[in-house]
Amino acid sequence: LDEPTAALGVRESRRVLDLILRLRAEGHAVIVISHA
């Protein structure tokens, strides 16, 4: 994921972060590039 929360508001960023945590819980290996 390349800058998955860039230009998103607080509520929308929350949706994306929750999804990343669910991907981890399902056993995915996740690479995140972020400045946040």
PDB file of all heavy atoms in Angstrom:
ATOM      1  N   LEU A   1       0.843  -1.189   0.000  1.00  0.00           N
ATOM      2  CA  LEU A   1       0.000   0.000   0.000  1.00  0.00           C
ATOM      3  C   LEU A   1       0.885   1.249   0.000  1.00  0.00           C
ATOM      4  O   LEU A   1       1.667   1.463   0.930  1.00  0.00           O
ATOM      5  CB  LEU A   1      -0.920   0.012   1.222  1.00  0.00           C
ATOM      6  CG  LEU A   1      -1.769  -1.248   1.449  1.00  0.00           C
ATOM      7  CD1 LEU A   1      -2.547  -1.140   2.750  1.00  0.00           C
ATOM      8  CD2 LEU A   1      -2.708  -1.467   0.281  1.00  0.00           C
ATOM      9  N   ASP A   2       0.747   2.054  -1.033  1.00  0.00           N
ATOM     10  CA  ASP A   2       1.546   3.274  -1.179  1.00  0.00           C
ATOM     11  C   ASP A   2       0.726   4.470  -0.699  1.00  0.00           C
ATOM     12  O   ASP A   2      -0.244   4.865  -1.346  1.00  0.00           O
ATOM     13  CB  ASP A   2       1.941   3.449  -2.650  1.00  0.00           C
ATOM     14  CG  ASP A   2       2.918   4.602  -2.856  1.00  0.00           C
ATOM     15  OD1 ASP A   2       3.366   5.209  -1.860  1.00  0.00           O
ATOM     16  OD2 ASP A   2       3.234   4.898  -4.019  1.00  0.00           O
ATOM     17  N   GLU A   3       1.103   5.025   0.458  1.00  0.00           N
ATOM     18  CA  GLU A   3       0.416   6.182   1.048  1.00  0.00           C
ATOM     19  C   GLU A   3      -1.097   5.964   1.098  1.00  0.00           C
ATOM     20  O   GLU A   3      -1.880   6.737   0.532  1.00  0.00           O
ATOM     21  CB  GLU A   3       0.756   7.450   0.271  1.00  0.00           C
ATOM     22  CG  GLU A   3       2.219   7.849   0.296  1.00  0.00           C
ATOM     23  CD  GLU A   3       2.665   8.394   1.656  1.00  0.00           C
ATOM     24  OE1 GLU A   3       1.817   8.543   2.566  1.00  0.00           O
ATOM     25  OE2 GLU A   3       3.872   8.646   1.802  1.00  0.00           O
ATOM     26  N   PRO A   4      -1.572   4.931   1.802  1.00  0.00           N
ATOM     27  CA  PRO A   4      -3.001   4.600   1.760  1.00  0.00           C
ATOM     28  C   PRO A   4      -3.910   5.613   2.430  1.00  0.00           C
ATOM     29  O   PRO A   4      -5.120   5.616   2.157  1.00  0.00           O
ATOM     30  CB  PRO A   4      -3.062   3.254   2.489  1.00  0.00           C
ATOM     31  CG  PRO A   4      -1.877   3.266   3.397  1.00  0.00           C
ATOM     32  CD  PRO A   4      -0.805   3.990   2.637  1.00  0.00           C
ATOM     33  N   THR A   5      -3.376   6.478   3.317  1.00  0.00           N
ATOM     34  CA  THR A   5      -4.238   7.459   3.978  1.00  0.00           C
ATOM     35  C   THR A   5      -3.939   8.890   3.534  1.00  0.00           C
ATOM     36  O   THR A   5      -4.466   9.833   4.123  1.00  0.00           O
ATOM     37  CB  THR A   5      -4.084   7.369   5.511  1.00  0.00           C
ATOM     38  OG1 THR A   5      -2.710   7.591   5.869  1.00  0.00           O
ATOM     39  CG2 THR A   5      -4.514   6.011   6.020  1.00  0.00           C
ATOM     40  N   ALA A   6      -3.130   9.055   2.503  1.00  0.00           N
ATOM     41  CA  ALA A   6      -2.800  10.400   2.026  1.00  0.00           C
ATOM     42  C   ALA A   6      -4.066  11.115   1.562  1.00  0.00           C
ATOM     43  O   ALA A   6      -4.897  10.543   0.860  1.00  0.00           O
ATOM     44  CB  ALA A   6      -1.791  10.325   0.888  1.00  0.00           C
ATOM     45  N   ALA A   7      -4.217  12.360   1.959  1.00  0.00           N
ATOM     46  CA  ALA A   7      -5.323  13.239   1.534  1.00  0.00           C
ATOM     47  C   ALA A   7      -6.683  12.791   2.060  1.00  0.00           C
ATOM     48  O   ALA A   7      -7.713  13.257   1.578  1.00  0.00           O
ATOM     49  CB  ALA A   7      -5.369  13.364   0.011  1.00  0.00           C
ATOM     50  N   LEU A   8      -6.704  11.877   3.041  1.00  0.00           N
ATOM     51  CA  LEU A   8      -7.967  11.464   3.626  1.00  0.00           C
ATOM     52  C   LEU A   8      -8.187  12.165   4.961  1.00  0.00           C
ATOM     53  O   LEU A   8      -7.244  12.493   5.675  1.00  0.00           O
ATOM     54  CB  LEU A   8      -7.979   9.948   3.853  1.00  0.00           C
ATOM     55  CG  LEU A   8      -7.885   9.047   2.618  1.00  0.00           C
ATOM     56  CD1 LEU A   8      -8.002   7.585   3.044  1.00  0.00           C
ATOM     57  CD2 LEU A   8      -8.947   9.383   1.588  1.00  0.00           C
ATOM     58  N   GLY A   9      -9.463  12.389   5.296  1.00  0.00           N
ATOM     59  CA  GLY A   9      -9.811  12.958   6.594  1.00  0.00           C
ATOM     60  C   GLY A   9      -9.678  11.922   7.697  1.00  0.00           C
ATOM     61  O   GLY A   9      -9.360  10.756   7.458  1.00  0.00           O
ATOM     62  N   VAL A  10      -9.960  12.349   8.923  1.00  0.00           N
ATOM     63  CA  VAL A  10      -9.783  11.477  10.088  1.00  0.00           C
ATOM     64  C   VAL A  10     -10.689  10.257   9.997  1.00  0.00           C
ATOM     65  O   VAL A  10     -10.242   9.113  10.190  1.00  0.00           O
ATOM     66  CB  VAL A  10     -10.075  12.258  11.384  1.00  0.00           C
ATOM     67  CG1 VAL A  10     -10.043  11.312  12.589  1.00  0.00           C
ATOM     68  CG2 VAL A  10      -9.057  13.376  11.580  1.00  0.00           C
ATOM     69  N   ARG A  11     -11.961  10.449   9.673  1.00  0.00           N
ATOM     70  CA  ARG A  11     -12.898   9.327   9.623  1.00  0.00           C
ATOM     71  C   ARG A  11     -12.539   8.358   8.493  1.00  0.00           C
ATOM     72  O   ARG A  11     -12.565   7.141   8.677  1.00  0.00           O
ATOM     73  CB  ARG A  11     -14.328   9.838   9.437  1.00  0.00           C
ATOM     74  CG  ARG A  11     -15.366   8.721   9.392  1.00  0.00           C
ATOM     75  CD  ARG A  11     -16.756   9.276   9.215  1.00  0.00           C
ATOM     76  NE  ARG A  11     -17.131  10.127  10.339  1.00  0.00           N
ATOM     77  CZ  ARG A  11     -18.299  10.761  10.423  1.00  0.00           C
ATOM     78  NH1 ARG A  11     -19.191  10.654   9.442  1.00  0.00           N
ATOM     79  NH2 ARG A  11     -18.585  11.502  11.475  1.00  0.00           N
ATOM     80  N   GLU A  12     -12.186   8.893   7.339  1.00  0.00           N
ATOM     81  CA  GLU A  12     -11.860   8.021   6.207  1.00  0.00           C
ATOM     82  C   GLU A  12     -10.542   7.300   6.435  1.00  0.00           C
ATOM     83  O   GLU A  12     -10.387   6.137   6.063  1.00  0.00           O
ATOM     84  CB  GLU A  12     -11.830   8.839   4.920  1.00  0.00           C
ATOM     85  CG  GLU A  12     -13.204   9.394   4.545  1.00  0.00           C
ATOM     86  CD  GLU A  12     -13.195  10.097   3.212  1.00  0.00           C
ATOM     87  OE1 GLU A  12     -12.170  10.726   2.886  1.00  0.00           O
ATOM     88  OE2 GLU A  12     -14.213  10.025   2.511  1.00  0.00           O
ATOM     89  N   SER A  13      -9.576   7.976   7.065  1.00  0.00           N
ATOM     90  CA  SER A  13      -8.319   7.303   7.405  1.00  0.00           C
ATOM     91  C   SER A  13      -8.573   6.143   8.367  1.00  0.00           C
ATOM     92  O   SER A  13      -7.944   5.080   8.263  1.00  0.00           O
ATOM     93  CB  SER A  13      -7.337   8.284   8.038  1.00  0.00           C
ATOM     94  OG  SER A  13      -6.916   9.256   7.114  1.00  0.00           O
ATOM     95  N   ARG A  14      -9.514   6.346   9.301  1.00  0.00           N
ATOM     96  CA  ARG A  14      -9.854   5.304  10.259  1.00  0.00           C
ATOM     97  C   ARG A  14     -10.340   4.040   9.560  1.00  0.00           C
ATOM     98  O   ARG A  14      -9.981   2.918   9.925  1.00  0.00           O
ATOM     99  CB  ARG A  14     -10.927   5.835  11.199  1.00  0.00           C
ATOM    100  CG  ARG A  14     -11.438   4.897  12.262  1.00  0.00           C
ATOM    101  CD  ARG A  14     -10.422   4.701  13.367  1.00  0.00           C
ATOM    102  NE  ARG A  14      -9.564   3.550  13.150  1.00  0.00           N
ATOM    103  CZ  ARG A  14      -8.361   3.424  13.671  1.00  0.00           C
ATOM    104  NH1 ARG A  14      -7.841   4.377  14.409  1.00  0.00           N
ATOM    105  NH2 ARG A  14      -7.643   2.345  13.437  1.00  0.00           N
ATOM    106  N   ARG A  15     -11.149   4.210   8.508  1.00  0.00           N
ATOM    107  CA  ARG A  15     -11.655   3.065   7.752  1.00  0.00           C
ATOM    108  C   ARG A  15     -10.506   2.286   7.116  1.00  0.00           C
ATOM    109  O   ARG A  15     -10.488   1.049   7.132  1.00  0.00           O
ATOM    110  CB  ARG A  15     -12.617   3.539   6.655  1.00  0.00           C
ATOM    111  CG  ARG A  15     -13.922   4.101   7.162  1.00  0.00           C
ATOM    112  CD  ARG A  15     -14.608   4.932   6.080  1.00  0.00           C
ATOM    113  NE  ARG A  15     -14.939   4.159   4.903  1.00  0.00           N
ATOM    114  CZ  ARG A  15     -16.120   3.634   4.660  1.00  0.00           C
ATOM    115  NH1 ARG A  15     -17.102   3.775   5.530  1.00  0.00           N
ATOM    116  NH2 ARG A  15     -16.349   2.951   3.546  1.00  0.00           N
ATOM    117  N   VAL A  16      -9.545   3.011   6.554  1.00  0.00           N
ATOM    118  CA  VAL A  16      -8.422   2.354   5.885  1.00  0.00           C
ATOM    119  C   VAL A  16      -7.517   1.654   6.900  1.00  0.00           C
ATOM    120  O   VAL A  16      -7.080   0.521   6.686  1.00  0.00           O
ATOM    121  CB  VAL A  16      -7.624   3.375   5.057  1.00  0.00           C
ATOM    122  CG1 VAL A  16      -6.391   2.728   4.437  1.00  0.00           C
ATOM    123  CG2 VAL A  16      -8.505   3.979   3.961  1.00  0.00           C
ATOM    124  N   LEU A  17      -7.242   2.316   8.030  1.00  0.00           N
ATOM    125  CA  LEU A  17      -6.393   1.709   9.054  1.00  0.00           C
ATOM    126  C   LEU A  17      -7.038   0.447   9.628  1.00  0.00           C
ATOM    127  O   LEU A  17      -6.353  -0.559   9.868  1.00  0.00           O
ATOM    128  CB  LEU A  17      -6.110   2.720  10.172  1.00  0.00           C
ATOM    129  CG  LEU A  17      -5.306   3.959   9.768  1.00  0.00           C
ATOM    130  CD1 LEU A  17      -5.216   4.932  10.934  1.00  0.00           C
ATOM    131  CD2 LEU A  17      -3.912   3.574   9.285  1.00  0.00           C
ATOM    132  N   ASP A  18      -8.348   0.491   9.841  1.00  0.00           N
ATOM    133  CA  ASP A  18      -9.045  -0.694  10.346  1.00  0.00           C
ATOM    134  C   ASP A  18      -8.938  -1.841   9.337  1.00  0.00           C
ATOM    135  O   ASP A  18      -8.779  -3.007   9.722  1.00  0.00           O
ATOM    136  CB  ASP A  18     -10.516  -0.372  10.616  1.00  0.00           C
ATOM    137  CG  ASP A  18     -10.702   0.493  11.852  1.00  0.00           C
ATOM    138  OD1 ASP A  18      -9.765   0.574  12.662  1.00  0.00           O
ATOM    139  OD2 ASP A  18     -11.793   1.068  12.004  1.00  0.00           O
ATOM    140  N   LEU A  19      -9.014  -1.512   8.053  1.00  0.00           N
ATOM    141  CA  LEU A  19      -8.912  -2.544   7.027  1.00  0.00           C
ATOM    142  C   LEU A  19      -7.509  -3.154   7.013  1.00  0.00           C
ATOM    143  O   LEU A  19      -7.353  -4.376   6.866  1.00  0.00           O
ATOM    144  CB  LEU A  19      -9.264  -1.966   5.655  1.00  0.00           C
ATOM    145  CG  LEU A  19      -9.216  -2.924   4.462  1.00  0.00           C
ATOM    146  CD1 LEU A  19     -10.028  -4.181   4.731  1.00  0.00           C
ATOM    147  CD2 LEU A  19      -9.714  -2.221   3.210  1.00  0.00           C
ATOM    148  N   ILE A  20      -6.482  -2.329   7.182  1.00  0.00           N
ATOM    149  CA  ILE A  20      -5.111  -2.844   7.244  1.00  0.00           C
ATOM    150  C   ILE A  20      -4.958  -3.815   8.416  1.00  0.00           C
ATOM    151  O   ILE A  20      -4.347  -4.890   8.280  1.00  0.00           O
ATOM    152  CB  ILE A  20      -4.100  -1.682   7.368  1.00  0.00           C
ATOM    153  CG1 ILE A  20      -4.074  -0.858   6.075  1.00  0.00           C
ATOM    154  CG2 ILE A  20      -2.705  -2.207   7.686  1.00  0.00           C
ATOM    155  CD1 ILE A  20      -3.260   0.413   6.174  1.00  0.00           C
ATOM    156  N   LEU A  21      -5.526  -3.471   9.564  1.00  0.00           N
ATOM    157  CA  LEU A  21      -5.449  -4.358  10.719  1.00  0.00           C
ATOM    158  C   LEU A  21      -6.189  -5.672  10.466  1.00  0.00           C
ATOM    159  O   LEU A  21      -5.754  -6.743  10.923  1.00  0.00           O
ATOM    160  CB  LEU A  21      -6.025  -3.648  11.951  1.00  0.00           C
ATOM    161  CG  LEU A  21      -5.205  -2.449  12.453  1.00  0.00           C
ATOM    162  CD1 LEU A  21      -5.947  -1.727  13.564  1.00  0.00           C
ATOM    163  CD2 LEU A  21      -3.830  -2.888  12.935  1.00  0.00           C
ATOM    164  N   ARG A  22      -7.292  -5.622   9.719  1.00  0.00           N
ATOM    165  CA  ARG A  22      -8.009  -6.852   9.400  1.00  0.00           C
ATOM    166  C   ARG A  22      -7.213  -7.710   8.420  1.00  0.00           C
ATOM    167  O   ARG A  22      -7.242  -8.943   8.504  1.00  0.00           O
ATOM    168  CB  ARG A  22      -9.400  -6.519   8.842  1.00  0.00           C
ATOM    169  CG  ARG A  22     -10.381  -6.078   9.923  1.00  0.00           C
ATOM    170  CD  ARG A  22     -11.802  -6.063   9.416  1.00  0.00           C
ATOM    171  NE  ARG A  22     -12.069  -4.965   8.508  1.00  0.00           N
ATOM    172  CZ  ARG A  22     -12.428  -3.743   8.887  1.00  0.00           C
ATOM    173  NH1 ARG A  22     -12.545  -3.457  10.177  1.00  0.00           N
ATOM    174  NH2 ARG A  22     -12.679  -2.806   8.003  1.00  0.00           N
ATOM    175  N   LEU A  23      -6.505  -7.073   7.496  1.00  0.00           N
ATOM    176  CA  LEU A  23      -5.645  -7.833   6.587  1.00  0.00           C
ATOM    177  C   LEU A  23      -4.573  -8.581   7.374  1.00  0.00           C
ATOM    178  O   LEU A  23      -4.280  -9.754   7.097  1.00  0.00           O
ATOM    179  CB  LEU A  23      -4.990  -6.904   5.563  1.00  0.00           C
ATOM    180  CG  LEU A  23      -5.902  -6.182   4.572  1.00  0.00           C
ATOM    181  CD1 LEU A  23      -5.069  -5.369   3.595  1.00  0.00           C
ATOM    182  CD2 LEU A  23      -6.787  -7.154   3.835  1.00  0.00           C
ATOM    183  N   ARG A  24      -3.991  -7.911   8.341  1.00  0.00           N
ATOM    184  CA  ARG A  24      -2.982  -8.569   9.181  1.00  0.00           C
ATOM    185  C   ARG A  24      -3.597  -9.740   9.940  1.00  0.00           C
ATOM    186  O   ARG A  24      -3.004 -10.829  10.019  1.00  0.00           O
ATOM    187  CB  ARG A  24      -2.378  -7.568  10.170  1.00  0.00           C
ATOM    188  CG  ARG A  24      -1.336  -8.197  11.099  1.00  0.00           C
ATOM    189  CD  ARG A  24      -0.693  -7.175  12.007  1.00  0.00           C
ATOM    190  NE  ARG A  24      -1.646  -6.638  12.969  1.00  0.00           N
ATOM    191  CZ  ARG A  24      -1.351  -5.696  13.861  1.00  0.00           C
ATOM    192  NH1 ARG A  24      -0.147  -5.171  13.881  1.00  0.00           N
ATOM    193  NH2 ARG A  24      -2.263  -5.277  14.701  1.00  0.00           N
ATOM    194  N   ALA A  25      -4.796  -9.539  10.486  1.00  0.00           N
ATOM    195  CA  ALA A  25      -5.456 -10.599  11.246  1.00  0.00           C
ATOM    196  C   ALA A  25      -5.775 -11.801  10.372  1.00  0.00           C
ATOM    197  O   ALA A  25      -5.809 -12.943  10.866  1.00  0.00           O
ATOM    198  CB  ALA A  25      -6.737 -10.058  11.886  1.00  0.00           C
ATOM    199  N   GLU A  26      -5.992 -11.584   9.074  1.00  0.00           N
ATOM    200  CA  GLU A  26      -6.276 -12.681   8.154  1.00  0.00           C
ATOM    201  C   GLU A  26      -5.010 -13.380   7.664  1.00  0.00           C
ATOM    202  O   GLU A  26      -5.082 -14.329   6.886  1.00  0.00           O
ATOM    203  CB  GLU A  26      -7.088 -12.180   6.962  1.00  0.00           C
ATOM    204  CG  GLU A  26      -8.528 -11.832   7.309  1.00  0.00           C
ATOM    205  CD  GLU A  26      -9.424 -11.769   6.095  1.00  0.00           C
ATOM    206  OE1 GLU A  26      -8.900 -11.815   4.956  1.00  0.00           O
ATOM    207  OE2 GLU A  26     -10.648 -11.688   6.268  1.00  0.00           O
ATOM    208  N   GLY A  27      -3.834 -12.876   8.097  1.00  0.00           N
ATOM    209  CA  GLY A  27      -2.591 -13.543   7.749  1.00  0.00           C
ATOM    210  C   GLY A  27      -1.853 -12.973   6.562  1.00  0.00           C
ATOM    211  O   GLY A  27      -0.849 -13.531   6.125  1.00  0.00           O
ATOM    212  N   HIS A  28      -2.333 -11.837   6.025  1.00  0.00           N
ATOM    213  CA  HIS A  28      -1.621 -11.213   4.923  1.00  0.00           C
ATOM    214  C   HIS A  28      -0.324 -10.569   5.419  1.00  0.00           C
ATOM    215  O   HIS A  28      -0.260 -10.038   6.536  1.00  0.00           O
ATOM    216  CB  HIS A  28      -2.469 -10.119   4.266  1.00  0.00           C
ATOM    217  CG  HIS A  28      -3.571 -10.652   3.399  1.00  0.00           C
ATOM    218  ND1 HIS A  28      -4.824 -10.951   3.891  1.00  0.00           N
ATOM    219  CD2 HIS A  28      -3.610 -10.937   2.076  1.00  0.00           C
ATOM    220  CE1 HIS A  28      -5.583 -11.390   2.905  1.00  0.00           C
ATOM    221  NE2 HIS A  28      -4.873 -11.393   1.795  1.00  0.00           N
ATOM    222  N   ALA A  29       0.689 -10.600   4.581  1.00  0.00           N
ATOM    223  CA  ALA A  29       1.871  -9.767   4.791  1.00  0.00           C
ATOM    224  C   ALA A  29       1.577  -8.425   4.126  1.00  0.00           C
ATOM    225  O   ALA A  29       1.206  -8.380   2.946  1.00  0.00           O
ATOM    226  CB  ALA A  29       3.099 -10.406   4.166  1.00  0.00           C
ATOM    227  N   VAL A  30       1.705  -7.341   4.881  1.00  0.00           N
ATOM    228  CA  VAL A  30       1.333  -6.018   4.383  1.00  0.00           C
ATOM    229  C   VAL A  30       2.535  -5.082   4.474  1.00  0.00           C
ATOM    230  O   VAL A  30       3.168  -4.978   5.530  1.00  0.00           O
ATOM    231  CB  VAL A  30       0.158  -5.421   5.186  1.00  0.00           C
ATOM    232  CG1 VAL A  30      -0.271  -4.072   4.595  1.00  0.00           C
ATOM    233  CG2 VAL A  30      -1.027  -6.384   5.227  1.00  0.00           C
ATOM    234  N   ILE A  31       2.847  -4.432   3.362  1.00  0.00           N
ATOM    235  CA  ILE A  31       3.884  -3.396   3.341  1.00  0.00           C
ATOM    236  C   ILE A  31       3.200  -2.057   3.130  1.00  0.00           C
ATOM    237  O   ILE A  31       2.435  -1.889   2.169  1.00  0.00           O
ATOM    238  CB  ILE A  31       4.913  -3.647   2.226  1.00  0.00           C
ATOM    239  CG1 ILE A  31       5.629  -4.976   2.456  1.00  0.00           C
ATOM    240  CG2 ILE A  31       5.932  -2.511   2.156  1.00  0.00           C
ATOM    241  CD1 ILE A  31       6.591  -5.360   1.340  1.00  0.00           C
ATOM    242  N   VAL A  32       3.462  -1.111   4.011  1.00  0.00           N
ATOM    243  CA  VAL A  32       2.834   0.205   3.945  1.00  0.00           C
ATOM    244  C   VAL A  32       3.907   1.264   3.799  1.00  0.00           C
ATOM    245  O   VAL A  32       4.850   1.326   4.604  1.00  0.00           O
ATOM    246  CB  VAL A  32       1.995   0.492   5.204  1.00  0.00           C
ATOM    247  CG1 VAL A  32       1.419   1.905   5.145  1.00  0.00           C
ATOM    248  CG2 VAL A  32       0.877  -0.529   5.356  1.00  0.00           C
ATOM    249  N   ILE A  33       3.786   2.094   2.769  1.00  0.00           N
ATOM    250  CA  ILE A  33       4.614   3.287   2.644  1.00  0.00           C
ATOM    251  C   ILE A  33       3.787   4.466   3.119  1.00  0.00           C
ATOM    252  O   ILE A  33       2.662   4.678   2.635  1.00  0.00           O
ATOM    253  CB  ILE A  33       5.073   3.510   1.195  1.00  0.00           C
ATOM    254  CG1 ILE A  33       6.043   2.409   0.777  1.00  0.00           C
ATOM    255  CG2 ILE A  33       5.737   4.864   1.031  1.00  0.00           C
ATOM    256  CD1 ILE A  33       6.524   2.544  -0.641  1.00  0.00           C
ATOM    257  N   SER A  34       4.299   5.216   4.068  1.00  0.00           N
ATOM    258  CA  SER A  34       3.514   6.320   4.615  1.00  0.00           C
ATOM    259  C   SER A  34       4.427   7.378   5.224  1.00  0.00           C
ATOM    260  O   SER A  34       5.522   7.072   5.702  1.00  0.00           O
ATOM    261  CB  SER A  34       2.547   5.798   5.688  1.00  0.00           C
ATOM    262  OG  SER A  34       1.787   6.837   6.247  1.00  0.00           O
ATOM    263  N   HIS A  35       3.934   8.625   5.174  1.00  0.00           N
ATOM    264  CA  HIS A  35       4.596   9.714   5.879  1.00  0.00           C
ATOM    265  C   HIS A  35       3.868  10.051   7.182  1.00  0.00           C
ATOM    266  O   HIS A  35       4.315  10.928   7.936  1.00  0.00           O
ATOM    267  CB  HIS A  35       4.658  10.971   4.996  1.00  0.00           C
ATOM    268  CG  HIS A  35       5.663  10.876   3.888  1.00  0.00           C
ATOM    269  ND1 HIS A  35       5.349  10.434   2.623  1.00  0.00           N
ATOM    270  CD2 HIS A  35       6.991  11.149   3.864  1.00  0.00           C
ATOM    271  CE1 HIS A  35       6.423  10.455   1.862  1.00  0.00           C
ATOM    272  NE2 HIS A  35       7.436  10.878   2.589  1.00  0.00           N
ATOM    273  N   ALA A  36       2.737   9.384   7.433  1.00  0.00           N
ATOM    274  CA  ALA A  36       1.930   9.670   8.626  1.00  0.00           C
ATOM    275  C   ALA A  36       2.424   8.831   9.791  1.00  0.00           C
ATOM    276  O   ALA A  36       2.058   7.663   9.929  1.00  0.00           O
ATOM    277  CB  ALA A  36       0.458   9.404   8.334  1.00  0.00           C
TER     278      ALA A  36
END
